[in-house]
Amino acid sequence: MYKPEWLKYTLEQRQKLAEHFNIKKSGAVEVFDNVVVNDGYPDEAIYKIDKKDADKLLGLNQNAKDETIKTTKKEGATVKKPVSKKDEGSSKA
């Protein structure tokens, strides 16, 4: 996986993955505009991790789209189907 994908995981998740895959920090944590851009884990080691394997290890749902909809519904929001180009002209007023 690439570093941006890696950094989307929480600190605790990254620590669990690093422990499981025996990855040691090799650099400093870098923060830009209050966002972590580098957590010190070497890119070369992270590239070797398959995202699906990481998600499975962490017990995360493989289908992020379904998970987002479930989460949104739990929070009481309304999820609407996106309007396609062909549906735009036939809207009922």
PDB file of N, CA and C in Angstrom:
ATOM      1  N   MET A   1       0.846  -1.171   0.000  1.00  0.00           N
ATOM      2  CA  MET A   1       0.000   0.000   0.000  1.00  0.00           C
ATOM      3  C   MET A   1       0.889   1.229   0.000  1.00  0.00           C
ATOM      4  N   TYR A   2       0.313   2.340  -0.391  1.00  0.00           N
ATOM      5  CA  TYR A   2       1.057   3.591  -0.433  1.00  0.00           C
ATOM      6  C   TYR A   2       0.858   4.368   0.864  1.00  0.00           C
ATOM      7  N   LYS A   3       1.772   5.281   1.132  1.00  0.00           N
ATOM      8  CA  LYS A   3       1.764   6.041   2.382  1.00  0.00           C
ATOM      9  C   LYS A   3       0.433   6.752   2.656  1.00  0.00           C
ATOM     10  N   PRO A   4      -0.201   7.431   1.677  1.00  0.00           N
ATOM     11  CA  PRO A   4      -1.488   8.077   1.973  1.00  0.00           C
ATOM     12  C   PRO A   4      -2.556   7.094   2.462  1.00  0.00           C
ATOM     13  N   GLU A   5      -2.567   5.882   1.898  1.00  0.00           N
ATOM     14  CA  GLU A   5      -3.516   4.861   2.357  1.00  0.00           C
ATOM     15  C   GLU A   5      -3.194   4.462   3.794  1.00  0.00           C
ATOM     16  N   TRP A   6      -1.912   4.280   4.072  1.00  0.00           N
ATOM     17  CA  TRP A   6      -1.434   3.910   5.399  1.00  0.00           C
ATOM     18  C   TRP A   6      -1.850   4.958   6.434  1.00  0.00           C
ATOM     19  N   LEU A   7      -1.694   6.208   6.082  1.00  0.00           N
ATOM     20  CA  LEU A   7      -1.981   7.288   7.027  1.00  0.00           C
ATOM     21  C   LEU A   7      -3.473   7.493   7.279  1.00  0.00           C
ATOM     22  N   LYS A   8      -4.323   6.878   6.477  1.00  0.00           N
ATOM     23  CA  LYS A   8      -5.762   6.959   6.723  1.00  0.00           C
ATOM     24  C   LYS A   8      -6.177   6.114   7.926  1.00  0.00           C
ATOM     25  N   TYR A   9      -5.350   5.129   8.268  1.00  0.00           N
ATOM     26  CA  TYR A   9      -5.624   4.324   9.455  1.00  0.00           C
ATOM     27  C   TYR A   9      -5.361   5.161  10.701  1.00  0.00           C
ATOM     28  N   THR A  10      -6.032   4.821  11.786  1.00  0.00           N
ATOM     29  CA  THR A  10      -5.791   5.524  13.043  1.00  0.00           C
ATOM     30  C   THR A  10      -4.412   5.160  13.565  1.00  0.00           C
ATOM     31  N   LEU A  11      -3.924   5.928  14.508  1.00  0.00           N
ATOM     32  CA  LEU A  11      -2.626   5.646  15.122  1.00  0.00           C
ATOM     33  C   LEU A  11      -2.598   4.234  15.694  1.00  0.00           C
ATOM     34  N   GLU A  12      -3.646   3.855  16.389  1.00  0.00           N
ATOM     35  CA  GLU A  12      -3.709   2.523  16.996  1.00  0.00           C
ATOM     36  C   GLU A  12      -3.692   1.426  15.934  1.00  0.00           C
ATOM     37  N   GLN A  13      -4.395   1.653  14.826  1.00  0.00           N
ATOM     38  CA  GLN A  13      -4.416   0.667  13.747  1.00  0.00           C
ATOM     39  C   GLN A  13      -3.039   0.534  13.115  1.00  0.00           C
ATOM     40  N   ARG A  14      -2.364   1.673  12.877  1.00  0.00           N
ATOM     41  CA  ARG A  14      -1.019   1.622  12.296  1.00  0.00           C
ATOM     42  C   ARG A  14      -0.050   0.913  13.229  1.00  0.00           C
ATOM     43  N   GLN A  15      -0.178   1.140  14.516  1.00  0.00           N
ATOM     44  CA  GLN A  15       0.695   0.471  15.482  1.00  0.00           C
ATOM     45  C   GLN A  15       0.454  -1.039  15.472  1.00  0.00           C
ATOM     46  N   LYS A  16      -0.807  -1.435  15.378  1.00  0.00           N
ATOM     47  CA  LYS A  16      -1.134  -2.864  15.328  1.00  0.00           C
ATOM     48  C   LYS A  16      -0.552  -3.498  14.063  1.00  0.00           C
ATOM     49  N   LEU A  17      -0.708  -2.810  12.926  1.00  0.00           N
ATOM     50  CA  LEU A  17      -0.157  -3.330  11.671  1.00  0.00           C
ATOM     51  C   LEU A  17       1.367  -3.400  11.736  1.00  0.00           C
ATOM     52  N   ALA A  18       1.985  -2.363  12.259  1.00  0.00           N
ATOM     53  CA  ALA A  18       3.449  -2.335  12.356  1.00  0.00           C
ATOM     54  C   ALA A  18       3.945  -3.487  13.225  1.00  0.00           C
ATOM     55  N   GLU A  19       3.245  -3.751  14.317  1.00  0.00           N
ATOM     56  CA  GLU A  19       3.640  -4.858  15.192  1.00  0.00           C
ATOM     57  C   GLU A  19       3.463  -6.198  14.480  1.00  0.00           C
ATOM     58  N   HIS A  20       2.327  -6.362  13.804  1.00  0.00           N
ATOM     59  CA  HIS A  20       2.045  -7.622  13.106  1.00  0.00           C
ATOM     60  C   HIS A  20       3.057  -7.889  11.991  1.00  0.00           C
ATOM     61  N   PHE A  21       3.370  -6.854  11.203  1.00  0.00           N
ATOM     62  CA  PHE A  21       4.285  -7.019  10.076  1.00  0.00           C
ATOM     63  C   PHE A  21       5.737  -6.731  10.447  1.00  0.00           C
ATOM     64  N   ASN A  22       5.997  -6.542  11.740  1.00  0.00           N
ATOM     65  CA  ASN A  22       7.346  -6.318  12.262  1.00  0.00           C
ATOM     66  C   ASN A  22       8.037  -5.129  11.580  1.00  0.00           C
ATOM     67  N   ILE A  23       7.341  -4.000  11.565  1.00  0.00           N
ATOM     68  CA  ILE A  23       7.883  -2.777  10.973  1.00  0.00           C
ATOM     69  C   ILE A  23       8.313  -1.849  12.102  1.00  0.00           C
ATOM     70  N   LYS A  24       9.542  -1.423  12.055  1.00  0.00           N
ATOM     71  CA  LYS A  24      10.075  -0.504  13.066  1.00  0.00           C
ATOM     72  C   LYS A  24      10.150   0.897  12.483  1.00  0.00           C
ATOM     73  N   LYS A  25       9.866   1.892  13.321  1.00  0.00           N
ATOM     74  CA  LYS A  25       9.987   3.274  12.874  1.00  0.00           C
ATOM     75  C   LYS A  25      11.444   3.572  12.550  1.00  0.00           C
ATOM     76  N   SER A  26      11.634   4.344  11.484  1.00  0.00           N
ATOM     77  CA  SER A  26      13.001   4.681  11.081  1.00  0.00           C
ATOM     78  C   SER A  26      13.189   6.185  10.927  1.00  0.00           C
ATOM     79  N   GLY A  27      12.136   6.942  11.189  1.00  0.00           N
ATOM     80  CA  GLY A  27      12.224   8.387  11.019  1.00  0.00           C
ATOM     81  C   GLY A  27      11.327   9.106  12.002  1.00  0.00           C
ATOM     82  N   ALA A  28      11.312  10.406  11.863  1.00  0.00           N
ATOM     83  CA  ALA A  28      10.505  11.239  12.742  1.00  0.00           C
ATOM     84  C   ALA A  28       9.097  11.413  12.193  1.00  0.00           C
ATOM     85  N   VAL A  29       8.186  11.785  13.064  1.00  0.00           N
ATOM     86  CA  VAL A  29       6.832  12.105  12.653  1.00  0.00           C
ATOM     87  C   VAL A  29       6.842  13.517  12.079  1.00  0.00           C
ATOM     88  N   GLU A  30       6.223  13.682  10.903  1.00  0.00           N
ATOM     89  CA  GLU A  30       6.147  14.994  10.261  1.00  0.00           C
ATOM     90  C   GLU A  30       4.698  15.426  10.186  1.00  0.00           C
ATOM     91  N   VAL A  31       4.427  16.668  10.622  1.00  0.00           N
ATOM     92  CA  VAL A  31       3.078  17.213  10.617  1.00  0.00           C
ATOM     93  C   VAL A  31       3.076  18.508   9.815  1.00  0.00           C
ATOM     94  N   PHE A  32       2.064  18.650   8.949  1.00  0.00           N
ATOM     95  CA  PHE A  32       1.903  19.866   8.161  1.00  0.00           C
ATOM     96  C   PHE A  32       0.447  20.297   8.264  1.00  0.00           C
ATOM     97  N   ASP A  33       0.199  21.516   8.686  1.00  0.00           N
ATOM     98  CA  ASP A  33      -1.168  22.031   8.875  1.00  0.00           C
ATOM     99  C   ASP A  33      -2.011  21.096   9.743  1.00  0.00           C
ATOM    100  N   ASN A  34      -1.434  20.627  10.829  1.00  0.00           N
ATOM    101  CA  ASN A  34      -2.100  19.733  11.787  1.00  0.00           C
ATOM    102  C   ASN A  34      -2.497  18.386  11.190  1.00  0.00           C
ATOM    103  N   VAL A  35      -1.843  17.986  10.105  1.00  0.00           N
ATOM    104  CA  VAL A  35      -2.099  16.691   9.482  1.00  0.00           C
ATOM    105  C   VAL A  35      -0.785  15.923   9.430  1.00  0.00           C
ATOM    106  N   VAL A  36      -0.805  14.675   9.890  1.00  0.00           N
ATOM    107  CA  VAL A  36       0.395  13.840   9.842  1.00  0.00           C
ATOM    108  C   VAL A  36       0.658  13.470   8.386  1.00  0.00           C
ATOM    109  N   VAL A  37       1.831  13.845   7.880  1.00  0.00           N
ATOM    110  CA  VAL A  37       2.197  13.509   6.504  1.00  0.00           C
ATOM    111  C   VAL A  37       3.225  12.382   6.469  1.00  0.00           C
ATOM    112  N   ASN A  38       3.866  12.118   7.597  1.00  0.00           N
ATOM    113  CA  ASN A  38       4.790  10.999   7.723  1.00  0.00           C
ATOM    114  C   ASN A  38       4.812  10.580   9.178  1.00  0.00           C
ATOM    115  N   ASP A  39       4.577   9.303   9.431  1.00  0.00           N
ATOM    116  CA  ASP A  39       4.530   8.821  10.809  1.00  0.00           C
ATOM    117  C   ASP A  39       5.802   8.112  11.244  1.00  0.00           C
ATOM    118  N   GLY A  40       6.827   8.157  10.402  1.00  0.00           N
ATOM    119  CA  GLY A  40       8.108   7.578  10.774  1.00  0.00           C
ATOM    120  C   GLY A  40       8.325   6.152  10.323  1.00  0.00           C
ATOM    121  N   TYR A  41       7.284   5.482   9.862  1.00  0.00           N
ATOM    122  CA  TYR A  41       7.453   4.115   9.362  1.00  0.00           C
ATOM    123  C   TYR A  41       7.997   4.184   7.940  1.00  0.00           C
ATOM    124  N   PRO A  42       8.963   3.320   7.600  1.00  0.00           N
ATOM    125  CA  PRO A  42       9.591   3.391   6.276  1.00  0.00           C
ATOM    126  C   PRO A  42       8.644   3.006   5.135  1.00  0.00           C
ATOM    127  N   ASP A  43       8.670   3.826   4.087  1.00  0.00           N
ATOM    128  CA  ASP A  43       7.820   3.592   2.913  1.00  0.00           C
ATOM    129  C   ASP A  43       8.035   2.199   2.329  1.00  0.00           C
ATOM    130  N   GLU A  44       9.289   1.762   2.282  1.00  0.00           N
ATOM    131  CA  GLU A  44       9.611   0.467   1.666  1.00  0.00           C
ATOM    132  C   GLU A  44       8.873  -0.675   2.357  1.00  0.00           C
ATOM    133  N   ALA A  45       8.743  -0.617   3.660  1.00  0.00           N
ATOM    134  CA  ALA A  45       8.045  -1.666   4.410  1.00  0.00           C
ATOM    135  C   ALA A  45       6.539  -1.578   4.191  1.00  0.00           C
ATOM    136  N   ILE A  46       6.024  -0.366   4.123  1.00  0.00           N
ATOM    137  CA  ILE A  46       4.588  -0.165   3.938  1.00  0.00           C
ATOM    138  C   ILE A  46       4.155  -0.626   2.549  1.00  0.00           C
ATOM    139  N   TYR A  47       5.000  -0.403   1.539  1.00  0.00           N
ATOM    140  CA  TYR A  47       4.679  -0.827   0.172  1.00  0.00           C
ATOM    141  C   TYR A  47       4.439  -2.330   0.082  1.00  0.00           C
ATOM    142  N   LYS A  48       5.069  -3.090   0.966  1.00  0.00           N
ATOM    143  CA  LYS A  48       4.958  -4.553   0.924  1.00  0.00           C
ATOM    144  C   LYS A  48       3.642  -5.069   1.514  1.00  0.00           C
ATOM    145  N   ILE A  49       2.900  -4.197   2.199  1.00  0.00           N
ATOM    146  CA  ILE A  49       1.651  -4.615   2.828  1.00  0.00           C
ATOM    147  C   ILE A  49       0.503  -4.474   1.839  1.00  0.00           C
ATOM    148  N   ASP A  50      -0.283  -5.528   1.725  1.00  0.00           N
ATOM    149  CA  ASP A  50      -1.473  -5.489   0.884  1.00  0.00           C
ATOM    150  C   ASP A  50      -2.618  -4.889   1.697  1.00  0.00           C
ATOM    151  N   LYS A  51      -3.308  -3.906   1.128  1.00  0.00           N
ATOM    152  CA  LYS A  51      -4.383  -3.212   1.850  1.00  0.00           C
ATOM    153  C   LYS A  51      -5.480  -4.175   2.285  1.00  0.00           C
ATOM    154  N   LYS A  52      -5.816  -5.127   1.448  1.00  0.00           N
ATOM    155  CA  LYS A  52      -6.852  -6.100   1.800  1.00  0.00           C
ATOM    156  C   LYS A  52      -6.427  -6.925   3.011  1.00  0.00           C
ATOM    157  N   ASP A  53      -5.153  -7.316   3.048  1.00  0.00           N
ATOM    158  CA  ASP A  53      -4.638  -8.072   4.199  1.00  0.00           C
ATOM    159  C   ASP A  53      -4.687  -7.227   5.468  1.00  0.00           C
ATOM    160  N   ALA A  54      -4.322  -5.953   5.328  1.00  0.00           N
ATOM    161  CA  ALA A  54      -4.337  -5.050   6.479  1.00  0.00           C
ATOM    162  C   ALA A  54      -5.760  -4.866   6.999  1.00  0.00           C
ATOM    163  N   ASP A  55      -6.704  -4.633   6.087  1.00  0.00           N
ATOM    164  CA  ASP A  55      -8.102  -4.446   6.483  1.00  0.00           C
ATOM    165  C   ASP A  55      -8.644  -5.697   7.167  1.00  0.00           C
ATOM    166  N   LYS A  56      -8.289  -6.858   6.629  1.00  0.00           N
ATOM    167  CA  LYS A  56      -8.746  -8.119   7.209  1.00  0.00           C
ATOM    168  C   LYS A  56      -8.174  -8.294   8.617  1.00  0.00           C
ATOM    169  N   LEU A  57      -6.904  -8.008   8.770  1.00  0.00           N
ATOM    170  CA  LEU A  57      -6.256  -8.116  10.074  1.00  0.00           C
ATOM    171  C   LEU A  57      -6.919  -7.201  11.101  1.00  0.00           C
ATOM    172  N   LEU A  58      -7.306  -6.015  10.651  1.00  0.00           N
ATOM    173  CA  LEU A  58      -7.923  -5.037  11.542  1.00  0.00           C
ATOM    174  C   LEU A  58      -9.426  -5.259  11.716  1.00  0.00           C
ATOM    175  N   GLY A  59      -9.985  -6.205  10.959  1.00  0.00           N
ATOM    176  CA  GLY A  59     -11.412  -6.492  11.055  1.00  0.00           C
ATOM    177  C   GLY A  59     -12.279  -5.434  10.404  1.00  0.00           C
ATOM    178  N   LEU A  60     -11.727  -4.763   9.388  1.00  0.00           N
ATOM    179  CA  LEU A  60     -12.476  -3.714   8.700  1.00  0.00           C
ATOM    180  C   LEU A  60     -13.262  -4.304   7.545  1.00  0.00           C
ATOM    181  N   ASN A  61     -14.392  -3.668   7.230  1.00  0.00           N
ATOM    182  CA  ASN A  61     -15.243  -4.089   6.120  1.00  0.00           C
ATOM    183  C   ASN A  61     -14.521  -3.810   4.805  1.00  0.00           C
ATOM    184  N   GLN A  62     -14.516  -4.770   3.912  1.00  0.00           N
ATOM    185  CA  GLN A  62     -13.849  -4.601   2.623  1.00  0.00           C
ATOM    186  C   GLN A  62     -14.574  -3.615   1.723  1.00  0.00           C
ATOM    187  N   ASN A  63     -15.884  -3.489   1.882  1.00  0.00           N
ATOM    188  CA  ASN A  63     -16.644  -2.613   1.001  1.00  0.00           C
ATOM    189  C   ASN A  63     -16.907  -1.288   1.716  1.00  0.00           C
ATOM    190  N   ALA A  64     -16.037  -0.329   1.513  1.00  0.00           N
ATOM    191  CA  ALA A  64     -16.121   0.961   2.205  1.00  0.00           C
ATOM    192  C   ALA A  64     -17.419   1.688   1.870  1.00  0.00           C
ATOM    193  N   LYS A  65     -17.915   1.513   0.658  1.00  0.00           N
ATOM    194  CA  LYS A  65     -19.145   2.195   0.246  1.00  0.00           C
ATOM    195  C   LYS A  65     -20.309   1.742   1.123  1.00  0.00           C
ATOM    196  N   ASP A  66     -20.454   0.427   1.309  1.00  0.00           N
ATOM    197  CA  ASP A  66     -21.521  -0.096   2.155  1.00  0.00           C
ATOM    198  C   ASP A  66     -21.346   0.362   3.592  1.00  0.00           C
ATOM    199  N   GLU A  67     -20.122   0.374   4.071  1.00  0.00           N
ATOM    200  CA  GLU A  67     -19.840   0.779   5.447  1.00  0.00           C
ATOM    201  C   GLU A  67     -20.204   2.241   5.659  1.00  0.00           C
ATOM    202  N   THR A  68     -19.921   3.091   4.683  1.00  0.00           N
ATOM    203  CA  THR A  68     -20.250   4.507   4.790  1.00  0.00           C
ATOM    204  C   THR A  68     -21.760   4.690   4.872  1.00  0.00           C
ATOM    205  N   ILE A  69     -22.494   3.971   4.071  1.00  0.00           N
ATOM    206  CA  ILE A  69     -23.950   4.072   4.089  1.00  0.00           C
ATOM    207  C   ILE A  69     -24.497   3.592   5.427  1.00  0.00           C
ATOM    208  N   LYS A  70     -23.978   2.474   5.949  1.00  0.00           N
ATOM    209  CA  LYS A  70     -24.423   1.968   7.248  1.00  0.00           C
ATOM    210  C   LYS A  70     -24.158   2.997   8.340  1.00  0.00           C
ATOM    211  N   THR A  71     -22.969   3.566   8.337  1.00  0.00           N
ATOM    212  CA  THR A  71     -22.592   4.558   9.342  1.00  0.00           C
ATOM    213  C   THR A  71     -23.493   5.780   9.244  1.00  0.00           C
ATOM    214  N   THR A  72     -23.725   6.251   8.036  1.00  0.00           N
ATOM    215  CA  THR A  72     -24.558   7.426   7.830  1.00  0.00           C
ATOM    216  C   THR A  72     -25.977   7.165   8.322  1.00  0.00           C
ATOM    217  N   LYS A  73     -26.517   6.013   8.034  1.00  0.00           N
ATOM    218  CA  LYS A  73     -27.873   5.695   8.472  1.00  0.00           C
ATOM    219  C   LYS A  73     -27.945   5.627   9.993  1.00  0.00           C
ATOM    220  N   LYS A  74     -26.901   5.108  10.631  1.00  0.00           N
ATOM    221  CA  LYS A  74     -26.867   5.036  12.086  1.00  0.00           C
ATOM    222  C   LYS A  74     -26.905   6.434  12.692  1.00  0.00           C
ATOM    223  N   GLU A  75     -26.298   7.388  12.032  1.00  0.00           N
ATOM    224  CA  GLU A  75     -26.228   8.741  12.553  1.00  0.00           C
ATOM    225  C   GLU A  75     -27.497   9.531  12.248  1.00  0.00           C
ATOM    226  N   GLY A  76     -28.461   8.917  11.568  1.00  0.00           N
ATOM    227  CA  GLY A  76     -29.735   9.559  11.323  1.00  0.00           C
ATOM    228  C   GLY A  76     -29.782  10.437  10.088  1.00  0.00           C
ATOM    229  N   ALA A  77     -28.784  10.379   9.255  1.00  0.00           N
ATOM    230  CA  ALA A  77     -28.778  11.192   8.037  1.00  0.00           C
ATOM    231  C   ALA A  77     -29.524  10.447   6.931  1.00  0.00           C
ATOM    232  N   THR A  78     -29.922  11.167   5.923  1.00  0.00           N
ATOM    233  CA  THR A  78     -30.591  10.578   4.779  1.00  0.00           C
ATOM    234  C   THR A  78     -29.586  10.386   3.659  1.00  0.00           C
ATOM    235  N   VAL A  79     -29.561   9.194   3.101  1.00  0.00           N
ATOM    236  CA  VAL A  79     -28.669   8.910   1.984  1.00  0.00           C
ATOM    237  C   VAL A  79     -29.510   8.855   0.730  1.00  0.00           C
ATOM    238  N   LYS A  80     -29.179   9.686  -0.250  1.00  0.00           N
ATOM    239  CA  LYS A  80     -29.925   9.717  -1.496  1.00  0.00           C
ATOM    240  C   LYS A  80     -29.054   9.189  -2.629  1.00  0.00           C
ATOM    241  N   LYS A  81     -29.708   8.541  -3.565  1.00  0.00           N
ATOM    242  CA  LYS A  81     -29.024   8.022  -4.743  1.00  0.00           C
ATOM    243  C   LYS A  81     -28.568   9.198  -5.600  1.00  0.00           C
ATOM    244  N   PRO A  82     -27.314   9.163  -6.084  1.00  0.00           N
ATOM    245  CA  PRO A  82     -26.858  10.251  -6.955  1.00  0.00           C
ATOM    246  C   PRO A  82     -27.712  10.340  -8.221  1.00  0.00           C
ATOM    247  N   VAL A  83     -27.920  11.534  -8.696  1.00  0.00           N
ATOM    248  CA  VAL A  83     -28.705  11.756  -9.900  1.00  0.00           C
ATOM    249  C   VAL A  83     -27.799  11.583 -11.108  1.00  0.00           C
ATOM    250  N   SER A  84     -28.223  10.744 -12.046  1.00  0.00           N
ATOM    251  CA  SER A  84     -27.428  10.560 -13.261  1.00  0.00           C
ATOM    252  C   SER A  84     -27.794  11.648 -14.263  1.00  0.00           C
ATOM    253  N   LYS A  85     -26.984  11.802 -15.283  1.00  0.00           N
ATOM    254  CA  LYS A  85     -27.211  12.814 -16.315  1.00  0.00           C
ATOM    255  C   LYS A  85     -28.562  12.632 -16.994  1.00  0.00           C
ATOM    256  N   LYS A  86     -28.960  11.391 -17.262  1.00  0.00           N
ATOM    257  CA  LYS A  86     -30.226  11.157 -17.965  1.00  0.00           C
ATOM    258  C   LYS A  86     -31.428  11.442 -17.069  1.00  0.00           C
ATOM    259  N   ASP A  87     -31.249  11.337 -15.733  1.00  0.00           N
ATOM    260  CA  ASP A  87     -32.345  11.618 -14.805  1.00  0.00           C
ATOM    261  C   ASP A  87     -32.563  13.111 -14.601  1.00  0.00           C
ATOM    262  N   GLU A  88     -31.548  13.934 -14.850  1.00  0.00           N
ATOM    263  CA  GLU A  88     -31.642  15.373 -14.601  1.00  0.00           C
ATOM    264  C   GLU A  88     -32.737  16.032 -15.417  1.00  0.00           C
ATOM    265  N   GLY A  89     -32.886  15.654 -16.671  1.00  0.00           N
ATOM    266  CA  GLY A  89     -33.869  16.281 -17.560  1.00  0.00           C
ATOM    267  C   GLY A  89     -35.292  15.818 -17.300  1.00  0.00           C
ATOM    268  N   SER A  90     -35.448  14.698 -16.593  1.00  0.00           N
ATOM    269  CA  SER A  90     -36.798  14.164 -16.394  1.00  0.00           C
ATOM    270  C   SER A  90     -37.277  14.311 -14.957  1.00  0.00           C
ATOM    271  N   SER A  91     -36.802  15.333 -14.250  1.00  0.00           N
ATOM    272  CA  SER A  91     -37.242  15.509 -12.875  1.00  0.00           C
ATOM    273  C   SER A  91     -38.670  16.011 -12.845  1.00  0.00           C
ATOM    274  N   LYS A  92     -39.412  15.517 -11.876  1.00  0.00           N
ATOM    275  CA  LYS A  92     -40.826  15.901 -11.736  1.00  0.00           C
ATOM    276  C   LYS A  92     -40.905  17.053 -10.756  1.00  0.00           C
ATOM    277  N   ALA A  93     -41.546  18.130 -11.165  1.00  0.00           N
ATOM    278  CA  ALA A  93     -41.661  19.303 -10.301  1.00  0.00           C
ATOM    279  C   ALA A  93     -42.999  19.394  -9.649  1.00  0.00           C
TER     280      ALA A  93
END
